[in-house]
Amino acid sequence: MKIVMKQSTKGASNPEGTFTQVYGADIEYSMEAPWQQAIAQAFIDNDLAEVVVEKKAKPKKQATKKKAK
């Protein structure tokens, strides 16, 4: 899951929780490991972050050549 922080806050930076880091406001974080997802969910639940919704790229229309008459 990817989140973007609404405001800066401290949180664990390793699975054991023995190190912390500041998760900065307006920065996107990829939270893939189970321990990271738990932190991300806590941030979301406390309105400190929101989930990033990935936009799918729309296929571009190709220009068609007109046939000469």
PDB file of N, CA and C in Angstrom:
ATOM      1  N   MET A   1       0.851  -1.165   0.000  1.00  0.00           N
ATOM      2  CA  MET A   1       0.000   0.000   0.000  1.00  0.00           C
ATOM      3  C   MET A   1       0.894   1.224   0.000  1.00  0.00           C
ATOM      4  N   LYS A   2       0.418   2.267  -0.656  1.00  0.00           N
ATOM      5  CA  LYS A   2       1.132   3.538  -0.656  1.00  0.00           C
ATOM      6  C   LYS A   2       0.280   4.555   0.080  1.00  0.00           C
ATOM      7  N   ILE A   3       0.973   5.350   0.896  1.00  0.00           N
ATOM      8  CA  ILE A   3       0.277   6.408   1.634  1.00  0.00           C
ATOM      9  C   ILE A   3       0.994   7.728   1.406  1.00  0.00           C
ATOM     10  N   VAL A   4       0.275   8.806   1.612  1.00  0.00           N
ATOM     11  CA  VAL A   4       0.878  10.131   1.623  1.00  0.00           C
ATOM     12  C   VAL A   4       0.507  10.763   2.957  1.00  0.00           C
ATOM     13  N   MET A   5       1.511  11.316   3.608  1.00  0.00           N
ATOM     14  CA  MET A   5       1.304  11.884   4.933  1.00  0.00           C
ATOM     15  C   MET A   5       0.621  13.250   4.830  1.00  0.00           C
ATOM     16  N   LYS A   6      -0.351  13.486   5.694  1.00  0.00           N
ATOM     17  CA  LYS A   6      -1.027  14.782   5.771  1.00  0.00           C
ATOM     18  C   LYS A   6      -0.241  15.743   6.653  1.00  0.00           C
ATOM     19  N   GLN A   7       0.444  15.194   7.648  1.00  0.00           N
ATOM     20  CA  GLN A   7       1.293  16.000   8.521  1.00  0.00           C
ATOM     21  C   GLN A   7       2.461  15.146   8.984  1.00  0.00           C
ATOM     22  N   SER A   8       3.536  15.795   9.372  1.00  0.00           N
ATOM     23  CA  SER A   8       4.720  15.068   9.826  1.00  0.00           C
ATOM     24  C   SER A   8       4.462  14.424  11.176  1.00  0.00           C
ATOM     25  N   THR A   9       4.988  13.214  11.337  1.00  0.00           N
ATOM     26  CA  THR A   9       4.862  12.506  12.614  1.00  0.00           C
ATOM     27  C   THR A   9       5.968  11.467  12.719  1.00  0.00           C
ATOM     28  N   LYS A  10       6.291  11.074  13.939  1.00  0.00           N
ATOM     29  CA  LYS A  10       7.296  10.046  14.167  1.00  0.00           C
ATOM     30  C   LYS A  10       6.648   8.676  14.144  1.00  0.00           C
ATOM     31  N   GLY A  11       7.422   7.692  13.690  1.00  0.00           N
ATOM     32  CA  GLY A  11       6.946   6.316  13.676  1.00  0.00           C
ATOM     33  C   GLY A  11       8.122   5.370  13.595  1.00  0.00           C
ATOM     34  N   ALA A  12       7.855   4.096  13.782  1.00  0.00           N
ATOM     35  CA  ALA A  12       8.905   3.075  13.738  1.00  0.00           C
ATOM     36  C   ALA A  12       9.495   2.990  12.337  1.00  0.00           C
ATOM     37  N   SER A  13      10.791   2.685  12.273  1.00  0.00           N
ATOM     38  CA  SER A  13      11.451   2.545  10.982  1.00  0.00           C
ATOM     39  C   SER A  13      12.079   1.164  10.791  1.00  0.00           C
ATOM     40  N   ASN A  14      11.792   0.250  11.718  1.00  0.00           N
ATOM     41  CA  ASN A  14      12.225  -1.132  11.548  1.00  0.00           C
ATOM     42  C   ASN A  14      11.185  -2.053  12.190  1.00  0.00           C
ATOM     43  N   PRO A  15      11.201  -3.341  11.863  1.00  0.00           N
ATOM     44  CA  PRO A  15      10.163  -4.259  12.358  1.00  0.00           C
ATOM     45  C   PRO A  15      10.104  -4.366  13.880  1.00  0.00           C
ATOM     46  N   GLU A  16      11.231  -4.212  14.548  1.00  0.00           N
ATOM     47  CA  GLU A  16      11.265  -4.343  16.005  1.00  0.00           C
ATOM     48  C   GLU A  16      10.774  -3.082  16.712  1.00  0.00           C
ATOM     49  N   GLY A  17      10.747  -1.967  16.005  1.00  0.00           N
ATOM     50  CA  GLY A  17      10.329  -0.706  16.606  1.00  0.00           C
ATOM     51  C   GLY A  17      11.407  -0.053  17.448  1.00  0.00           C
ATOM     52  N   THR A  18      12.658  -0.501  17.267  1.00  0.00           N
ATOM     53  CA  THR A  18      13.743   0.046  18.071  1.00  0.00           C
ATOM     54  C   THR A  18      14.312   1.341  17.502  1.00  0.00           C
ATOM     55  N   PHE A  19      13.971   1.641  16.245  1.00  0.00           N
ATOM     56  CA  PHE A  19      14.399   2.890  15.610  1.00  0.00           C
ATOM     57  C   PHE A  19      13.169   3.632  15.118  1.00  0.00           C
ATOM     58  N   THR A  20      13.235   4.948  15.167  1.00  0.00           N
ATOM     59  CA  THR A  20      12.129   5.758  14.676  1.00  0.00           C
ATOM     60  C   THR A  20      12.622   6.704  13.592  1.00  0.00           C
ATOM     61  N   GLN A  21      11.673   7.219  12.850  1.00  0.00           N
ATOM     62  CA  GLN A  21      11.978   8.228  11.844  1.00  0.00           C
ATOM     63  C   GLN A  21      10.819   9.198  11.784  1.00  0.00           C
ATOM     64  N   VAL A  22      11.062  10.343  11.218  1.00  0.00           N
ATOM     65  CA  VAL A  22       9.994  11.304  10.997  1.00  0.00           C
ATOM     66  C   VAL A  22       9.433  11.040   9.613  1.00  0.00           C
ATOM     67  N   TYR A  23       8.159  10.745   9.551  1.00  0.00           N
ATOM     68  CA  TYR A  23       7.454  10.590   8.281  1.00  0.00           C
ATOM     69  C   TYR A  23       6.937  11.986   7.927  1.00  0.00           C
ATOM     70  N   GLY A  24       7.509  12.574   6.878  1.00  0.00           N
ATOM     71  CA  GLY A  24       7.253  13.970   6.538  1.00  0.00           C
ATOM     72  C   GLY A  24       5.935  14.218   5.829  1.00  0.00           C
ATOM     73  N   ALA A  25       5.356  15.385   6.066  1.00  0.00           N
ATOM     74  CA  ALA A  25       4.108  15.791   5.430  1.00  0.00           C
ATOM     75  C   ALA A  25       4.292  15.887   3.918  1.00  0.00           C
ATOM     76  N   ASP A  26       3.268  15.505   3.180  1.00  0.00           N
ATOM     77  CA  ASP A  26       3.221  15.575   1.717  1.00  0.00           C
ATOM     78  C   ASP A  26       4.226  14.663   1.026  1.00  0.00           C
ATOM     79  N   ILE A  27       4.720  13.664   1.730  1.00  0.00           N
ATOM     80  CA  ILE A  27       5.650  12.701   1.143  1.00  0.00           C
ATOM     81  C   ILE A  27       4.929  11.364   1.014  1.00  0.00           C
ATOM     82  N   GLU A  28       5.137  10.708  -0.135  1.00  0.00           N
ATOM     83  CA  GLU A  28       4.514   9.412  -0.393  1.00  0.00           C
ATOM     84  C   GLU A  28       5.452   8.297   0.088  1.00  0.00           C
ATOM     85  N   TYR A  29       4.887   7.330   0.791  1.00  0.00           N
ATOM     86  CA  TYR A  29       5.645   6.186   1.311  1.00  0.00           C
ATOM     87  C   TYR A  29       5.024   4.895   0.817  1.00  0.00           C
ATOM     88  N   SER A  30       5.887   3.960   0.429  1.00  0.00           N
ATOM     89  CA  SER A  30       5.441   2.628   0.039  1.00  0.00           C
ATOM     90  C   SER A  30       5.555   1.727   1.263  1.00  0.00           C
ATOM     91  N   MET A  31       4.422   1.224   1.723  1.00  0.00           N
ATOM     92  CA  MET A  31       4.381   0.407   2.938  1.00  0.00           C
ATOM     93  C   MET A  31       3.967  -1.014   2.539  1.00  0.00           C
ATOM     94  N   GLU A  32       4.948  -1.852   2.224  1.00  0.00           N
ATOM     95  CA  GLU A  32       4.660  -3.178   1.681  1.00  0.00           C
ATOM     96  C   GLU A  32       4.725  -4.302   2.720  1.00  0.00           C
ATOM     97  N   ALA A  33       5.685  -4.228   3.641  1.00  0.00           N
ATOM     98  CA  ALA A  33       5.844  -5.288   4.644  1.00  0.00           C
ATOM     99  C   ALA A  33       4.692  -5.228   5.646  1.00  0.00           C
ATOM    100  N   PRO A  34       4.339  -6.369   6.247  1.00  0.00           N
ATOM    101  CA  PRO A  34       3.234  -6.375   7.216  1.00  0.00           C
ATOM    102  C   PRO A  34       3.408  -5.372   8.356  1.00  0.00           C
ATOM    103  N   TRP A  35       4.627  -5.212   8.878  1.00  0.00           N
ATOM    104  CA  TRP A  35       4.844  -4.248   9.972  1.00  0.00           C
ATOM    105  C   TRP A  35       4.657  -2.826   9.475  1.00  0.00           C
ATOM    106  N   GLN A  36       5.013  -2.549   8.217  1.00  0.00           N
ATOM    107  CA  GLN A  36       4.816  -1.217   7.651  1.00  0.00           C
ATOM    108  C   GLN A  36       3.337  -0.939   7.422  1.00  0.00           C
ATOM    109  N   GLN A  37       2.599  -1.960   6.995  1.00  0.00           N
ATOM    110  CA  GLN A  37       1.166  -1.795   6.758  1.00  0.00           C
ATOM    111  C   GLN A  37       0.433  -1.499   8.060  1.00  0.00           C
ATOM    112  N   ALA A  38       0.893  -2.091   9.161  1.00  0.00           N
ATOM    113  CA  ALA A  38       0.282  -1.799  10.462  1.00  0.00           C
ATOM    114  C   ALA A  38       0.504  -0.333  10.849  1.00  0.00           C
ATOM    115  N   ILE A  39       1.711   0.173  10.593  1.00  0.00           N
ATOM    116  CA  ILE A  39       2.002   1.580  10.874  1.00  0.00           C
ATOM    117  C   ILE A  39       1.156   2.476   9.972  1.00  0.00           C
ATOM    118  N   ALA A  40       1.111   2.127   8.692  1.00  0.00           N
ATOM    119  CA  ALA A  40       0.329   2.917   7.739  1.00  0.00           C
ATOM    120  C   ALA A  40      -1.137   2.968   8.152  1.00  0.00           C
ATOM    121  N   GLN A  41      -1.687   1.847   8.583  1.00  0.00           N
ATOM    122  CA  GLN A  41      -3.093   1.816   9.003  1.00  0.00           C
ATOM    123  C   GLN A  41      -3.313   2.686  10.244  1.00  0.00           C
ATOM    124  N   ALA A  42      -2.358   2.688  11.147  1.00  0.00           N
ATOM    125  CA  ALA A  42      -2.462   3.545  12.335  1.00  0.00           C
ATOM    126  C   ALA A  42      -2.443   5.018  11.938  1.00  0.00           C
ATOM    127  N   PHE A  43      -1.584   5.375  10.977  1.00  0.00           N
ATOM    128  CA  PHE A  43      -1.555   6.751  10.485  1.00  0.00           C
ATOM    129  C   PHE A  43      -2.888   7.128   9.847  1.00  0.00           C
ATOM    130  N   ILE A  44      -3.436   6.224   9.054  1.00  0.00           N
ATOM    131  CA  ILE A  44      -4.719   6.479   8.378  1.00  0.00           C
ATOM    132  C   ILE A  44      -5.836   6.612   9.402  1.00  0.00           C
ATOM    133  N   ASP A  45      -5.881   5.700  10.364  1.00  0.00           N
ATOM    134  CA  ASP A  45      -6.923   5.722  11.396  1.00  0.00           C
ATOM    135  C   ASP A  45      -6.888   7.009  12.226  1.00  0.00           C
ATOM    136  N   ASN A  46      -5.700   7.573  12.404  1.00  0.00           N
ATOM    137  CA  ASN A  46      -5.550   8.800  13.187  1.00  0.00           C
ATOM    138  C   ASN A  46      -5.546  10.055  12.316  1.00  0.00           C
ATOM    139  N   ASP A  47      -5.956   9.907  11.073  1.00  0.00           N
ATOM    140  CA  ASP A  47      -6.071  11.016  10.119  1.00  0.00           C
ATOM    141  C   ASP A  47      -4.740  11.741   9.899  1.00  0.00           C
ATOM    142  N   LEU A  48      -3.645  10.985   9.965  1.00  0.00           N
ATOM    143  CA  LEU A  48      -2.325  11.547   9.714  1.00  0.00           C
ATOM    144  C   LEU A  48      -1.859  11.275   8.289  1.00  0.00           C
ATOM    145  N   ALA A  49      -2.542  10.332   7.613  1.00  0.00           N
ATOM    146  CA  ALA A  49      -2.158   9.951   6.254  1.00  0.00           C
ATOM    147  C   ALA A  49      -3.386   9.490   5.496  1.00  0.00           C
ATOM    148  N   GLU A  50      -3.235   9.396   4.174  1.00  0.00           N
ATOM    149  CA  GLU A  50      -4.310   8.845   3.347  1.00  0.00           C
ATOM    150  C   GLU A  50      -3.700   7.916   2.309  1.00  0.00           C
ATOM    151  N   VAL A  51      -4.509   6.966   1.858  1.00  0.00           N
ATOM    152  CA  VAL A  51      -4.065   5.987   0.875  1.00  0.00           C
ATOM    153  C   VAL A  51      -3.933   6.668  -0.482  1.00  0.00           C
ATOM    154  N   VAL A  52      -2.871   6.336  -1.195  1.00  0.00           N
ATOM    155  CA  VAL A  52      -2.671   6.863  -2.543  1.00  0.00           C
ATOM    156  C   VAL A  52      -3.401   5.941  -3.507  1.00  0.00           C
ATOM    157  N   VAL A  53      -4.281   6.537  -4.294  1.00  0.00           N
ATOM    158  CA  VAL A  53      -5.003   5.772  -5.301  1.00  0.00           C
ATOM    159  C   VAL A  53      -4.228   5.906  -6.601  1.00  0.00           C
ATOM    160  N   GLU A  54      -3.786   4.765  -7.114  1.00  0.00           N
ATOM    161  CA  GLU A  54      -2.997   4.788  -8.339  1.00  0.00           C
ATOM    162  C   GLU A  54      -3.915   4.944  -9.535  1.00  0.00           C
ATOM    163  N   LYS A  55      -3.546   5.864 -10.403  1.00  0.00           N
ATOM    164  CA  LYS A  55      -4.327   6.109 -11.604  1.00  0.00           C
ATOM    165  C   LYS A  55      -3.793   5.228 -12.721  1.00  0.00           C
ATOM    166  N   LYS A  56      -4.709   4.566 -13.414  1.00  0.00           N
ATOM    167  CA  LYS A  56      -4.302   3.757 -14.551  1.00  0.00           C
ATOM    168  C   LYS A  56      -4.176   4.672 -15.761  1.00  0.00           C
ATOM    169  N   ALA A  57      -3.119   4.473 -16.492  1.00  0.00           N
ATOM    170  CA  ALA A  57      -2.893   5.302 -17.677  1.00  0.00           C
ATOM    171  C   ALA A  57      -3.910   4.943 -18.749  1.00  0.00           C
ATOM    172  N   LYS A  58      -4.510   5.962 -19.317  1.00  0.00           N
ATOM    173  CA  LYS A  58      -5.465   5.742 -20.398  1.00  0.00           C
ATOM    174  C   LYS A  58      -4.685   5.538 -21.689  1.00  0.00           C
ATOM    175  N   PRO A  59      -5.127   4.578 -22.491  1.00  0.00           N
ATOM    176  CA  PRO A  59      -4.434   4.395 -23.771  1.00  0.00           C
ATOM    177  C   PRO A  59      -4.645   5.612 -24.662  1.00  0.00           C
ATOM    178  N   LYS A  60      -3.566   6.025 -25.301  1.00  0.00           N
ATOM    179  CA  LYS A  60      -3.654   7.189 -26.176  1.00  0.00           C
ATOM    180  C   LYS A  60      -4.248   6.768 -27.516  1.00  0.00           C
ATOM    181  N   LYS A  61      -5.085   7.623 -28.052  1.00  0.00           N
ATOM    182  CA  LYS A  61      -5.662   7.359 -29.359  1.00  0.00           C
ATOM    183  C   LYS A  61      -4.630   7.697 -30.416  1.00  0.00           C
ATOM    184  N   GLN A  62      -4.522   6.805 -31.366  1.00  0.00           N
ATOM    185  CA  GLN A  62      -3.567   7.051 -32.438  1.00  0.00           C
ATOM    186  C   GLN A  62      -4.258   7.832 -33.545  1.00  0.00           C
ATOM    187  N   ALA A  63      -3.546   8.765 -34.083  1.00  0.00           N
ATOM    188  CA  ALA A  63      -4.087   9.553 -35.196  1.00  0.00           C
ATOM    189  C   ALA A  63      -4.158   8.674 -36.429  1.00  0.00           C
ATOM    190  N   THR A  64      -5.257   8.776 -37.130  1.00  0.00           N
ATOM    191  CA  THR A  64      -5.414   7.999 -38.355  1.00  0.00           C
ATOM    192  C   THR A  64      -5.226   8.912 -39.550  1.00  0.00           C
ATOM    193  N   LYS A  65      -4.591   8.406 -40.541  1.00  0.00           N
ATOM    194  CA  LYS A  65      -4.358   9.190 -41.743  1.00  0.00           C
ATOM    195  C   LYS A  65      -5.589   9.095 -42.639  1.00  0.00           C
ATOM    196  N   LYS A  66      -5.963  10.214 -43.167  1.00  0.00           N
ATOM    197  CA  LYS A  66      -7.086  10.229 -44.095  1.00  0.00           C
ATOM    198  C   LYS A  66      -6.593   9.844 -45.476  1.00  0.00           C
ATOM    199  N   LYS A  67      -7.403   9.088 -46.165  1.00  0.00           N
ATOM    200  CA  LYS A  67      -7.043   8.667 -47.512  1.00  0.00           C
ATOM    201  C   LYS A  67      -7.332   9.811 -48.483  1.00  0.00           C
ATOM    202  N   ALA A  68      -6.403  10.035 -49.373  1.00  0.00           N
ATOM    203  CA  ALA A  68      -6.598  11.072 -50.402  1.00  0.00           C
ATOM    204  C   ALA A  68      -7.548  10.547 -51.467  1.00  0.00           C
ATOM    205  N   LYS A  69      -8.439  11.414 -51.937  1.00  0.00           N
ATOM    206  CA  LYS A  69      -9.408  10.984 -52.967  1.00  0.00           C
ATOM    207  C   LYS A  69      -8.914  11.333 -54.333  1.00  0.00           C
TER     208      LYS A  69
END
